[in-house]
Amino acid sequence: MSQFIKLVPDTLKPLREVNPMMMSYNVEFAEVTGGTFWKAYTPEQIAGTEEFHVEPTSEGIAAMYKDLMQVYAPIDLYNEKLRGLAKELGPVWVRVSGTWATKTYYDFDGTTGGKVPEGYLNVLTKEQWIGVLDFVKAIGAKLIVSVANCPGLHTAEEPWHPSEAEKLFSLSKEYGVPINAAEFTNEPNMMEETGFPKGYTPAHYRRDQDLFFTWLRKNYPDCICVGPSTTGGDNITFGKGSSDKQGGGIEQLMSNTCNCDDLLNGTTEPLDVFSYHYYNGVSERLASVMPDAHWSAEDAASEPYLNTALNFCRTYIPLRDKYVPGAEMWVTESGDAGGGGDTWASTYLDVLRTLNELGGFSSLTNGVIFHNTLASSDYGFLAREVFDPRPNYFAVLLWNRLMGTTVYDTAEPIREGAHIFAHSRKDGKDGIVYLIINNSLTDSTTVELPKAAWRYTLAGADGNLRAAVMTLNGQPLVLGENNALPELKPEEQAAGTLELAPGTCTFLVM
């Protein structure tokens, strides 16, 4: 059904101020060291003309990884194209973490000769970490990490100790790029499956998180303590969910999981920031064994799909209020699908979800969203190795350039064809910036403008939602000569009525 929207910018009431670096991103630890990560989809699978399917085996998901993963060399964080595009996004937080961070040995004196010590999964060299620090400094970012907590460091009954963490923090400080924030570990509610010592329990985790933050505050008091960085549990449903009590969702990946309360109830060292992870579900790579945790491309513009990120936020707000009242809430991993992203993650189709998450999150709370990732796998803002920007890159670039930090109540209910968000202007001038997402794929949305505005309308090239190229007011967004960004030029829109085509996202600057 077609929607009609009447904009009334002069009567909007402010909701809150939000973090100016709300749109941030991850650089996977496995990218920094090199290692296994998700195989890329074929161009035909991305376009939706070839089905992606992996036959499940009786040996379980782990046995399938050989068909889903490949070994990648470390990312080149000195690449001028990568640095230039990252810097254009403006001041951000860069999170260097992930499952590999929990199991990586810091070989800063070169004693291992490249051989991974027993109980670890990988080795980080001094040169690789300095590459991270140089990257963070070059783009004017802030750095958040998590640290090792694996069988190579200690057993479950032995308390965590800072021998490895001290290497990371001291080198960063001495190099002049200190670590600004830290989570103890990545996705701790998965327990052993995230890399913890054998027999590790929530009680062990609570003990060790307190030890880490006590050590951190004593030795690096300016570092922000963030946690618990959970994924799943807490009555969160990945994917469409299932009436089958036996599952079929992401729970199959996590046989020994716990909830946020298990990780935080009884801890004595307070957090500064509350964090969690959000994905809409799992990608096609894992869909054959977890069908109820996967959304099809046909659902990617639907109300239930787009509401998933906001349901995660609504679920965690009471937990934030319980354990860190008044604090910011950080989504330290965010993306369309665990398992490297869906086949359409690198296309225009995922822009609707990305912009809806940013708009919806800021209407509910204040914090930072770390998109997974900057330049790894199909959900990366940039294509791996070649670093060509994908549609989501240009979408968040516009968000960061246009949307200010004051959030307003639009008084418009979210509904198909009319996802409406309003912020102050990023340029500091008086006025309002509206973001209107018409997620109807069949009907236009009519907008009544009380005054002239600058219009930025995003769409898939040639009207194709799964296009690898996005258009701005009909012009393709691609890099020019010497990797120059295209001009993000608006069109002047007169007061009166404006028709927003199906499946488009529009910024209106008044």
Protein backbone atom coordinates (compact mmCIF):
# COMPACT_ATOMS: atom_id res chain seq x y z
CA MET A 1 0.00 0.00 0.00
CA SER A 2 1.34 3.44 -0.93
CA GLN A 3 2.32 5.69 1.97
CA PHE A 4 1.88 9.44 2.41
CA ILE A 5 4.26 11.41 4.64
CA LYS A 6 3.92 15.05 5.62
CA LEU A 7 7.18 16.45 6.94
CA VAL A 8 6.99 19.09 9.68
CA PRO A 9 10.62 19.93 10.52
CA ASP A 10 9.82 23.06 12.53
CA THR A 11 7.87 21.13 15.18
CA LEU A 12 10.25 18.20 15.73
CA LYS A 13 11.22 17.49 19.33
CA PRO A 14 14.77 16.33 20.16
CA LEU A 15 15.20 12.83 21.58
CA ARG A 16 18.91 12.68 22.44
CA GLU A 17 22.46 13.44 21.43
CA VAL A 18 24.38 10.50 19.96
CA ASN A 19 28.04 9.62 19.64
CA PRO A 20 29.55 11.39 16.59
CA MET A 21 31.47 8.18 15.84
CA MET A 22 28.35 5.99 15.98
CA MET A 23 29.16 4.53 12.55
CA SER A 24 32.41 2.58 13.06
CA TYR A 25 33.79 -0.79 11.95
CA ASN A 26 35.85 -3.92 12.62
CA VAL A 27 39.15 -5.06 11.21
CA GLU A 28 39.25 -8.79 11.94
CA PHE A 29 42.25 -10.09 13.91
CA ALA A 30 42.49 -12.84 11.29
CA GLU A 31 42.99 -10.13 8.66
CA VAL A 32 45.92 -8.64 10.55
CA THR A 33 47.75 -11.94 11.06
CA GLY A 34 46.49 -13.73 7.97
CA GLY A 35 44.53 -16.94 8.34
CA THR A 36 41.37 -18.75 7.38
CA PHE A 37 38.22 -16.78 6.63
CA TRP A 38 35.10 -17.23 4.53
CA LYS A 39 35.43 -18.05 0.83
CA ALA A 40 34.08 -15.39 -1.48
CA TYR A 41 30.87 -15.95 -3.45
CA THR A 42 30.91 -16.11 -7.23
CA PRO A 43 29.61 -13.12 -9.25
CA GLU A 44 26.62 -15.24 -10.25
CA GLN A 45 25.78 -16.05 -6.63
CA ILE A 46 26.04 -12.36 -5.73
CA ALA A 47 23.71 -11.47 -8.59
CA GLY A 48 21.23 -14.15 -7.49
CA THR A 49 21.44 -16.11 -10.75
CA GLU A 50 23.29 -19.08 -9.20
CA GLU A 51 22.21 -20.87 -6.05
CA PHE A 52 24.70 -21.28 -3.23
CA HIS A 53 24.48 -24.60 -1.43
CA VAL A 54 26.75 -26.72 0.72
CA GLU A 55 25.63 -30.26 1.43
CA PRO A 56 25.50 -30.89 5.19
CA THR A 57 27.34 -33.92 6.48
CA SER A 58 26.78 -36.26 9.39
CA GLU A 59 30.08 -34.99 10.81
CA GLY A 60 28.54 -31.62 11.59
CA ILE A 61 29.29 -28.02 10.74
CA ALA A 62 32.99 -28.19 11.54
CA ALA A 63 33.49 -30.78 8.80
CA MET A 64 31.90 -28.39 6.30
CA TYR A 65 34.37 -25.60 6.98
CA LYS A 66 36.86 -27.08 4.53
CA ASP A 67 34.42 -26.17 1.77
CA LEU A 68 33.52 -22.78 3.23
CA MET A 69 36.90 -21.36 4.24
CA GLN A 70 40.16 -20.43 2.58
CA VAL A 71 43.51 -19.09 3.76
CA TYR A 72 44.11 -15.38 3.22
CA ALA A 73 47.31 -13.37 3.46
CA PRO A 74 47.42 -10.48 5.96
CA ILE A 75 45.66 -7.29 4.91
CA ASP A 76 47.90 -4.46 3.66
CA LEU A 77 47.03 -1.67 6.07
CA TYR A 78 49.59 0.60 4.36
CA ASN A 79 47.69 0.50 1.06
CA GLU A 80 47.05 4.11 0.00
CA LYS A 81 43.65 3.34 -1.51
CA LEU A 82 42.48 1.56 1.66
CA ARG A 83 43.73 4.36 3.91
CA GLY A 84 42.25 7.07 1.73
CA LEU A 85 38.79 5.50 1.63
CA ALA A 86 38.87 4.71 5.36
CA LYS A 87 39.85 8.28 6.22
CA GLU A 88 36.96 9.66 4.15
CA LEU A 89 34.52 7.98 6.53
CA GLY A 90 35.66 10.48 9.13
CA PRO A 91 36.68 9.91 12.74
CA VAL A 92 35.66 6.38 13.74
CA TRP A 93 36.41 3.62 16.21
CA VAL A 94 38.37 0.69 14.77
CA ARG A 95 37.84 -2.62 16.54
CA VAL A 96 40.54 -5.25 16.08
CA SER A 97 39.11 -8.40 17.56
CA GLY A 98 37.12 -11.47 16.60
CA THR A 99 37.36 -15.13 17.55
CA TRP A 100 41.01 -15.27 16.51
CA ALA A 101 41.91 -12.56 19.03
CA THR A 102 41.01 -14.90 21.88
CA LYS A 103 43.54 -17.47 20.66
CA THR A 104 46.45 -15.40 19.27
CA TYR A 105 49.96 -15.30 20.74
CA TYR A 106 51.78 -11.97 20.56
CA ASP A 107 55.28 -12.81 19.31
CA PHE A 108 56.75 -9.32 19.53
CA ASP A 109 60.32 -10.51 20.08
CA GLY A 110 60.30 -13.06 17.25
CA THR A 111 61.07 -16.08 19.42
CA THR A 112 58.53 -18.47 17.88
CA GLY A 113 59.99 -18.46 14.39
CA GLY A 114 56.45 -18.47 13.09
CA LYS A 115 55.53 -21.67 14.92
CA VAL A 116 52.31 -21.31 16.91
CA PRO A 117 52.83 -22.12 20.62
CA GLU A 118 50.77 -24.93 22.08
CA GLY A 119 47.31 -23.82 23.19
CA TYR A 120 47.12 -20.93 20.71
CA LEU A 121 45.75 -20.78 17.17
CA ASN A 122 47.86 -18.06 15.60
CA VAL A 123 50.79 -15.66 15.99
CA LEU A 124 50.81 -11.86 15.79
CA THR A 125 54.16 -10.23 14.99
CA LYS A 126 55.41 -6.86 16.15
CA GLU A 127 55.43 -5.59 12.57
CA GLN A 128 51.81 -6.62 12.06
CA TRP A 129 50.65 -4.83 15.19
CA ILE A 130 52.61 -1.69 14.31
CA GLY A 131 50.79 -1.85 10.97
CA VAL A 132 47.51 -1.62 12.89
CA LEU A 133 48.78 1.28 14.98
CA ASP A 134 50.04 3.14 11.91
CA PHE A 135 46.67 2.62 10.20
CA VAL A 136 44.71 3.90 13.20
CA LYS A 137 46.96 6.95 13.46
CA ALA A 138 46.85 7.68 9.72
CA ILE A 139 43.04 7.79 9.58
CA GLY A 140 42.57 9.59 12.91
CA ALA A 141 40.68 6.74 14.58
CA LYS A 142 40.37 5.34 18.09
CA LEU A 143 41.29 1.72 18.81
CA ILE A 144 39.40 -1.00 20.71
CA VAL A 145 40.68 -4.57 21.17
CA SER A 146 40.02 -7.80 23.03
CA VAL A 147 42.78 -9.99 24.46
CA ALA A 148 43.94 -13.61 24.58
CA ASN A 149 42.14 -15.98 26.94
CA CYS A 150 42.88 -19.51 25.76
CA PRO A 151 44.50 -22.81 26.85
CA GLY A 152 47.94 -21.49 25.91
CA LEU A 153 47.64 -18.76 28.53
CA HIS A 154 46.05 -20.65 31.42
CA THR A 155 43.74 -23.52 32.37
CA ALA A 156 40.17 -22.99 33.54
CA GLU A 157 41.16 -23.42 37.19
CA GLU A 158 44.13 -21.08 36.88
CA PRO A 159 43.19 -17.39 36.95
CA TRP A 160 43.76 -15.30 33.83
CA HIS A 161 46.99 -13.29 33.95
CA PRO A 162 48.14 -10.25 31.95
CA SER A 163 51.42 -11.55 30.51
CA GLU A 164 50.09 -11.45 26.93
CA ALA A 165 47.85 -8.40 27.32
CA GLU A 166 50.76 -6.38 28.70
CA LYS A 167 52.68 -6.95 25.46
CA LEU A 168 49.84 -5.50 23.39
CA PHE A 169 49.08 -2.53 25.62
CA SER A 170 52.67 -1.54 26.39
CA LEU A 171 53.80 -1.67 22.75
CA SER A 172 50.80 0.45 21.71
CA LYS A 173 51.48 3.03 24.41
CA GLU A 174 55.21 3.18 23.68
CA TYR A 175 54.50 3.61 19.97
CA GLY A 176 52.29 6.59 20.68
CA VAL A 177 48.98 5.01 19.65
CA PRO A 178 47.43 3.80 22.90
CA ILE A 179 44.53 1.38 23.04
CA ASN A 180 41.50 3.52 23.85
CA ALA A 181 39.00 0.80 24.82
CA ALA A 182 38.99 -2.93 25.48
CA GLU A 183 36.60 -5.84 25.81
CA PHE A 184 37.98 -8.77 27.76
CA THR A 185 37.10 -11.35 25.12
CA ASN A 186 35.06 -11.76 21.97
CA GLU A 187 31.64 -13.46 22.30
CA PRO A 188 32.33 -15.03 25.70
CA ASN A 189 28.88 -16.59 26.01
CA MET A 190 30.04 -19.31 23.59
CA MET A 191 32.54 -20.47 26.24
CA GLU A 192 34.88 -23.22 24.96
CA GLU A 193 33.63 -22.80 21.41
CA THR A 194 35.03 -19.29 21.31
CA GLY A 195 38.46 -20.58 22.36
CA PHE A 196 38.44 -20.56 26.15
CA PRO A 197 40.28 -23.23 28.18
CA LYS A 198 38.66 -26.65 28.47
CA GLY A 199 36.03 -26.76 31.19
CA TYR A 200 35.65 -22.98 31.31
CA THR A 201 32.41 -21.83 32.97
CA PRO A 202 30.62 -18.51 33.50
CA ALA A 203 32.07 -18.42 37.01
CA HIS A 204 35.58 -18.66 35.55
CA TYR A 205 34.70 -15.89 33.13
CA ARG A 206 33.38 -13.56 35.85
CA ARG A 207 36.55 -14.13 37.86
CA ASP A 208 38.78 -13.41 34.88
CA GLN A 209 36.88 -10.38 33.56
CA ASP A 210 37.25 -8.78 36.98
CA LEU A 211 40.97 -9.57 36.93
CA PHE A 212 41.38 -8.04 33.48
CA PHE A 213 39.52 -4.81 34.20
CA THR A 214 41.23 -4.43 37.60
CA TRP A 215 44.60 -4.77 35.85
CA LEU A 216 43.51 -2.44 33.05
CA ARG A 217 42.34 0.34 35.34
CA LYS A 218 45.51 0.14 37.43
CA ASN A 219 47.95 0.18 34.52
CA TYR A 220 46.03 1.92 31.70
CA PRO A 221 43.45 4.07 33.49
CA ASP A 222 42.43 6.03 30.38
CA CYS A 223 41.26 2.87 28.61
CA ILE A 224 37.47 2.37 28.48
CA CYS A 225 36.21 -0.95 29.88
CA VAL A 226 33.63 -2.47 27.52
CA GLY A 227 31.60 -5.67 27.83
CA PRO A 228 30.37 -8.32 27.76
CA SER A 229 30.41 -8.59 23.92
CA THR A 230 27.83 -11.38 23.77
CA THR A 231 26.16 -12.93 20.74
CA GLY A 232 22.91 -14.83 21.04
CA GLY A 233 21.32 -16.06 24.23
CA ASP A 234 19.12 -13.62 26.18
CA ASN A 235 16.03 -14.84 24.28
CA ILE A 236 17.40 -13.40 21.04
CA THR A 237 16.25 -15.11 17.84
CA PHE A 238 18.64 -15.36 14.92
CA GLY A 239 16.85 -15.54 11.61
CA LYS A 240 13.12 -16.18 11.36
CA GLY A 241 13.16 -18.52 14.33
CA SER A 242 11.39 -21.83 14.55
CA SER A 243 8.53 -23.42 16.42
CA ASP A 244 10.71 -26.53 16.62
CA LYS A 245 11.98 -26.71 20.19
CA GLN A 246 14.95 -28.74 18.96
CA GLY A 247 16.28 -25.73 17.12
CA GLY A 248 17.52 -25.51 13.58
CA GLY A 249 18.91 -22.06 14.30
CA ILE A 250 22.26 -20.73 15.40
CA GLU A 251 22.03 -22.69 18.65
CA GLN A 252 23.48 -25.62 16.71
CA LEU A 253 26.75 -23.71 16.57
CA MET A 254 26.75 -23.09 20.29
CA SER A 255 26.11 -26.20 22.36
CA ASN A 256 27.46 -24.69 25.57
CA THR A 257 26.25 -21.11 25.77
CA CYS A 258 25.19 -18.75 28.52
CA ASN A 259 23.35 -15.47 28.88
CA CYS A 260 24.39 -11.94 29.75
CA ASP A 261 23.35 -12.41 33.36
CA ASP A 262 25.60 -15.47 33.61
CA LEU A 263 28.56 -13.36 32.53
CA LEU A 264 27.94 -10.22 34.60
CA ASN A 265 25.85 -11.06 37.68
CA GLY A 266 28.21 -10.94 40.64
CA THR A 267 31.15 -9.24 38.93
CA THR A 268 32.80 -6.58 41.08
CA GLU A 269 34.65 -4.50 38.48
CA PRO A 270 32.14 -2.21 36.74
CA LEU A 271 31.92 -1.64 33.00
CA ASP A 272 32.10 1.77 31.36
CA VAL A 273 30.20 0.70 28.23
CA PHE A 274 27.76 -2.15 27.58
CA SER A 275 28.36 -4.17 24.39
CA TYR A 276 26.69 -6.92 22.37
CA HIS A 277 26.81 -8.39 18.85
CA TYR A 278 24.03 -8.38 16.29
CA TYR A 279 23.48 -10.29 13.05
CA ASN A 280 20.14 -10.81 11.34
CA GLY A 281 20.93 -14.51 11.05
CA VAL A 282 23.39 -16.75 9.24
CA SER A 283 24.42 -16.56 5.61
CA GLU A 284 23.87 -19.06 2.81
CA ARG A 285 27.16 -20.68 3.83
CA LEU A 286 25.50 -22.09 6.95
CA ALA A 287 21.88 -22.11 5.80
CA SER A 288 21.82 -25.76 4.76
CA VAL A 289 22.35 -26.88 8.36
CA MET A 290 20.60 -23.94 10.06
CA PRO A 291 17.69 -23.11 7.76
CA ASP A 292 15.67 -21.32 10.43
CA ALA A 293 18.55 -18.93 11.14
CA HIS A 294 18.72 -17.77 7.51
CA TRP A 295 16.68 -15.13 5.68
CA SER A 296 16.21 -15.31 1.93
CA ALA A 297 16.87 -12.35 -0.34
CA GLU A 298 13.12 -12.06 -0.87
CA ASP A 299 12.78 -11.13 2.82
CA ALA A 300 15.62 -8.58 2.90
CA ALA A 301 13.34 -5.54 2.60
CA SER A 302 10.52 -6.89 4.77
CA GLU A 303 9.39 -5.40 8.07
CA PRO A 304 10.38 -8.45 10.18
CA TYR A 305 13.85 -8.52 8.61
CA LEU A 306 14.53 -4.80 9.04
CA ASN A 307 13.19 -4.86 12.59
CA THR A 308 15.66 -7.53 13.72
CA ALA A 309 18.47 -5.11 14.59
CA LEU A 310 16.07 -2.95 16.58
CA ASN A 311 14.70 -5.99 18.43
CA PHE A 312 18.26 -6.82 19.48
CA CYS A 313 18.66 -3.26 20.73
CA ARG A 314 15.36 -3.34 22.63
CA THR A 315 16.36 -6.64 24.24
CA TYR A 316 19.71 -5.35 25.47
CA ILE A 317 18.62 -1.90 26.70
CA PRO A 318 17.19 -3.33 29.98
CA LEU A 319 20.37 -5.37 30.49
CA ARG A 320 22.47 -2.26 29.89
CA ASP A 321 20.31 -0.38 32.38
CA LYS A 322 20.74 -3.19 34.91
CA TYR A 323 24.53 -3.53 34.71
CA VAL A 324 25.78 -0.18 33.37
CA PRO A 325 23.00 2.36 33.98
CA GLY A 326 23.38 5.54 31.97
CA ALA A 327 26.17 4.15 29.80
CA GLU A 328 26.47 4.07 26.05
CA MET A 329 25.60 0.82 24.29
CA TRP A 330 28.05 -0.45 21.66
CA VAL A 331 27.23 -3.06 19.03
CA THR A 332 30.79 -4.26 18.64
CA GLU A 333 29.94 -6.52 15.71
CA SER A 334 27.09 -5.81 13.35
CA GLY A 335 26.11 -7.18 9.95
CA ASP A 336 23.51 -8.82 7.82
CA ALA A 337 24.55 -12.42 8.54
CA GLY A 338 27.11 -14.41 10.46
CA GLY A 339 29.22 -16.61 8.21
CA GLY A 340 30.75 -13.80 6.16
CA GLY A 341 27.54 -12.16 4.96
CA ASP A 342 24.77 -13.19 2.58
CA THR A 343 25.23 -13.36 -1.17
CA TRP A 344 23.62 -9.92 -1.44
CA ALA A 345 25.64 -8.31 1.39
CA SER A 346 27.93 -6.62 -1.12
CA THR A 347 25.02 -5.26 -3.20
CA TYR A 348 22.59 -2.38 -2.91
CA LEU A 349 19.99 -4.64 -1.27
CA ASP A 350 21.84 -4.54 2.06
CA VAL A 351 21.87 -0.73 2.12
CA LEU A 352 18.25 -0.69 3.30
CA ARG A 353 19.19 -2.77 6.36
CA THR A 354 22.36 -0.79 7.11
CA LEU A 355 20.74 2.64 7.02
CA ASN A 356 17.67 1.37 8.88
CA GLU A 357 19.90 0.03 11.65
CA LEU A 358 21.72 3.35 12.04
CA GLY A 359 18.50 5.35 12.05
CA GLY A 360 16.61 2.97 14.32
CA PHE A 361 19.44 2.49 16.81
CA SER A 362 19.94 6.23 17.27
CA SER A 363 16.21 6.65 17.83
CA LEU A 364 16.38 4.10 20.68
CA THR A 365 19.69 4.78 22.44
CA ASN A 366 23.18 6.27 22.20
CA GLY A 367 26.33 4.38 21.35
CA VAL A 368 28.52 3.03 18.56
CA ILE A 369 27.82 0.43 15.86
CA PHE A 370 30.86 -1.48 14.58
CA HIS A 371 30.05 -2.80 11.12
CA ASN A 372 31.67 -6.12 10.36
CA THR A 373 33.91 -5.43 8.46
CA LEU A 374 35.92 -2.69 6.76
CA ALA A 375 37.44 -4.87 4.05
CA SER A 376 36.94 -8.57 4.68
CA SER A 377 34.46 -11.05 3.22
CA ASP A 378 31.17 -10.17 1.52
CA TYR A 379 29.87 -7.89 4.25
CA GLY A 380 32.92 -5.61 4.10
CA PHE A 381 32.45 -1.97 3.15
CA LEU A 382 35.34 -2.50 0.74
CA ALA A 383 36.13 -5.52 -1.42
CA ARG A 384 39.03 -7.51 -0.03
CA GLU A 385 42.50 -6.91 -1.53
CA VAL A 386 41.33 -4.55 -4.30
CA PHE A 387 39.47 -2.27 -1.82
CA ASP A 388 36.77 -1.15 -4.24
CA PRO A 389 33.91 0.49 -2.31
CA ARG A 390 30.62 -1.37 -2.21
CA PRO A 391 27.18 0.26 -1.96
CA ASN A 392 27.21 0.17 1.85
CA TYR A 393 30.42 2.21 1.87
CA PHE A 394 28.80 5.08 0.01
CA ALA A 395 25.65 4.79 2.12
CA VAL A 396 27.52 5.23 5.42
CA LEU A 397 29.75 7.89 3.87
CA LEU A 398 26.61 9.92 3.19
CA TRP A 399 25.30 9.17 6.68
CA ASN A 400 28.53 10.45 8.26
CA ARG A 401 28.59 13.56 6.06
CA LEU A 402 24.94 14.54 6.48
CA MET A 403 23.49 13.26 9.77
CA GLY A 404 24.30 15.31 12.85
CA THR A 405 24.32 14.15 16.47
CA THR A 406 20.94 15.52 17.61
CA VAL A 407 18.19 12.92 17.03
CA TYR A 408 14.58 14.03 16.65
CA ASP A 409 11.28 12.28 17.18
CA THR A 410 9.57 12.18 13.76
CA ALA A 411 6.23 11.15 15.36
CA GLU A 412 5.84 8.81 12.38
CA PRO A 413 5.32 5.09 13.08
CA ILE A 414 7.67 2.75 11.24
CA ARG A 415 5.77 0.93 8.52
CA GLU A 416 6.37 -0.58 5.10
CA GLY A 417 7.28 2.20 2.73
CA ALA A 418 7.92 4.74 5.48
CA HIS A 419 10.95 4.26 7.73
CA ILE A 420 11.60 7.88 8.69
CA PHE A 421 14.46 9.23 10.82
CA ALA A 422 15.51 12.81 11.53
CA HIS A 423 18.78 14.32 12.76
CA SER A 424 20.40 17.73 12.96
CA ARG A 425 22.61 18.80 10.08
CA LYS A 426 26.21 17.57 10.22
CA ASP A 427 27.46 20.86 8.74
CA GLY A 428 26.30 22.67 11.89
CA LYS A 429 23.78 24.83 10.08
CA ASP A 430 20.27 25.22 11.41
CA GLY A 431 17.90 22.69 9.93
CA ILE A 432 16.99 19.04 9.74
CA VAL A 433 18.18 16.02 7.77
CA TYR A 434 15.56 13.36 7.09
CA LEU A 435 16.35 9.80 6.07
CA ILE A 436 13.36 8.08 4.43
CA ILE A 437 13.60 4.42 3.48
CA ASN A 438 10.89 3.17 1.14
CA ASN A 439 11.26 -0.56 1.70
CA SER A 440 8.15 -1.36 -0.32
CA LEU A 441 9.26 -3.09 -3.50
CA THR A 442 6.00 -2.36 -5.32
CA ASP A 443 4.68 1.07 -4.28
CA SER A 444 6.01 4.61 -4.33
CA THR A 445 5.88 6.78 -1.22
CA THR A 446 4.58 10.34 -1.45
CA VAL A 447 6.30 12.99 0.67
CA GLU A 448 4.93 16.49 1.22
CA LEU A 449 7.78 18.98 1.62
CA PRO A 450 6.98 22.25 3.42
CA LYS A 451 10.11 23.89 2.02
CA ALA A 452 12.86 23.30 -0.52
CA ALA A 453 15.43 20.64 0.27
CA TRP A 454 18.60 19.06 -1.05
CA ARG A 455 17.78 15.49 -2.08
CA TYR A 456 20.12 12.46 -2.13
CA THR A 457 18.28 9.37 -3.41
CA LEU A 458 20.05 5.99 -3.39
CA ALA A 459 19.00 3.05 -5.55
CA GLY A 460 20.41 -0.03 -7.22
CA ALA A 461 21.83 0.58 -10.69
CA ASP A 462 19.28 -0.06 -13.46
CA GLY A 463 16.60 -0.57 -10.82
CA ASN A 464 18.26 -3.81 -9.70
CA LEU A 465 18.18 -4.32 -5.92
CA ARG A 466 21.05 -6.81 -6.17
CA ALA A 467 23.23 -4.47 -8.20
CA ALA A 468 26.89 -4.29 -7.22
CA VAL A 469 26.77 -0.57 -8.04
CA MET A 470 24.55 1.96 -6.32
CA THR A 471 23.32 5.21 -7.86
CA LEU A 472 22.93 8.64 -6.29
CA ASN A 473 20.15 10.58 -8.00
CA GLY A 474 20.62 8.25 -10.96
CA GLN A 475 24.42 8.61 -11.19
CA PRO A 476 26.57 5.49 -10.56
CA LEU A 477 28.80 5.70 -7.49
CA VAL A 478 32.18 4.38 -8.61
CA LEU A 479 35.73 5.57 -8.11
CA GLY A 480 37.27 7.85 -10.68
CA GLU A 481 40.82 8.33 -11.87
CA ASN A 482 43.47 7.70 -9.20
CA ASN A 483 40.75 6.23 -6.96
CA ALA A 484 39.06 9.59 -6.53
CA LEU A 485 35.64 9.50 -4.88
CA PRO A 486 32.71 10.55 -7.08
CA GLU A 487 31.07 13.84 -6.26
CA LEU A 488 28.19 13.15 -3.87
CA LYS A 489 26.05 15.86 -5.37
CA PRO A 490 22.43 16.44 -4.30
CA GLU A 491 19.56 17.68 -6.42
CA GLU A 492 17.49 20.67 -5.38
CA GLN A 493 13.95 19.65 -4.55
CA ALA A 494 11.26 22.33 -4.52
CA ALA A 495 8.58 22.53 -1.87
CA GLY A 496 5.55 20.42 -2.68
CA THR A 497 5.13 16.69 -3.27
CA LEU A 498 7.95 14.24 -3.91
CA GLU A 499 7.55 10.65 -5.09
CA LEU A 500 10.07 8.14 -3.68
CA ALA A 501 10.37 5.06 -5.86
CA PRO A 502 10.09 1.55 -4.42
CA GLY A 503 13.24 0.19 -2.78
CA THR A 504 15.00 3.54 -2.42
CA CYS A 505 16.69 5.41 0.42
CA THR A 506 16.55 9.21 0.44
CA PHE A 507 18.28 11.87 2.52
CA LEU A 508 16.55 15.27 2.54
CA VAL A 509 18.55 18.20 3.89
CA MET A 510 16.45 21.23 4.89
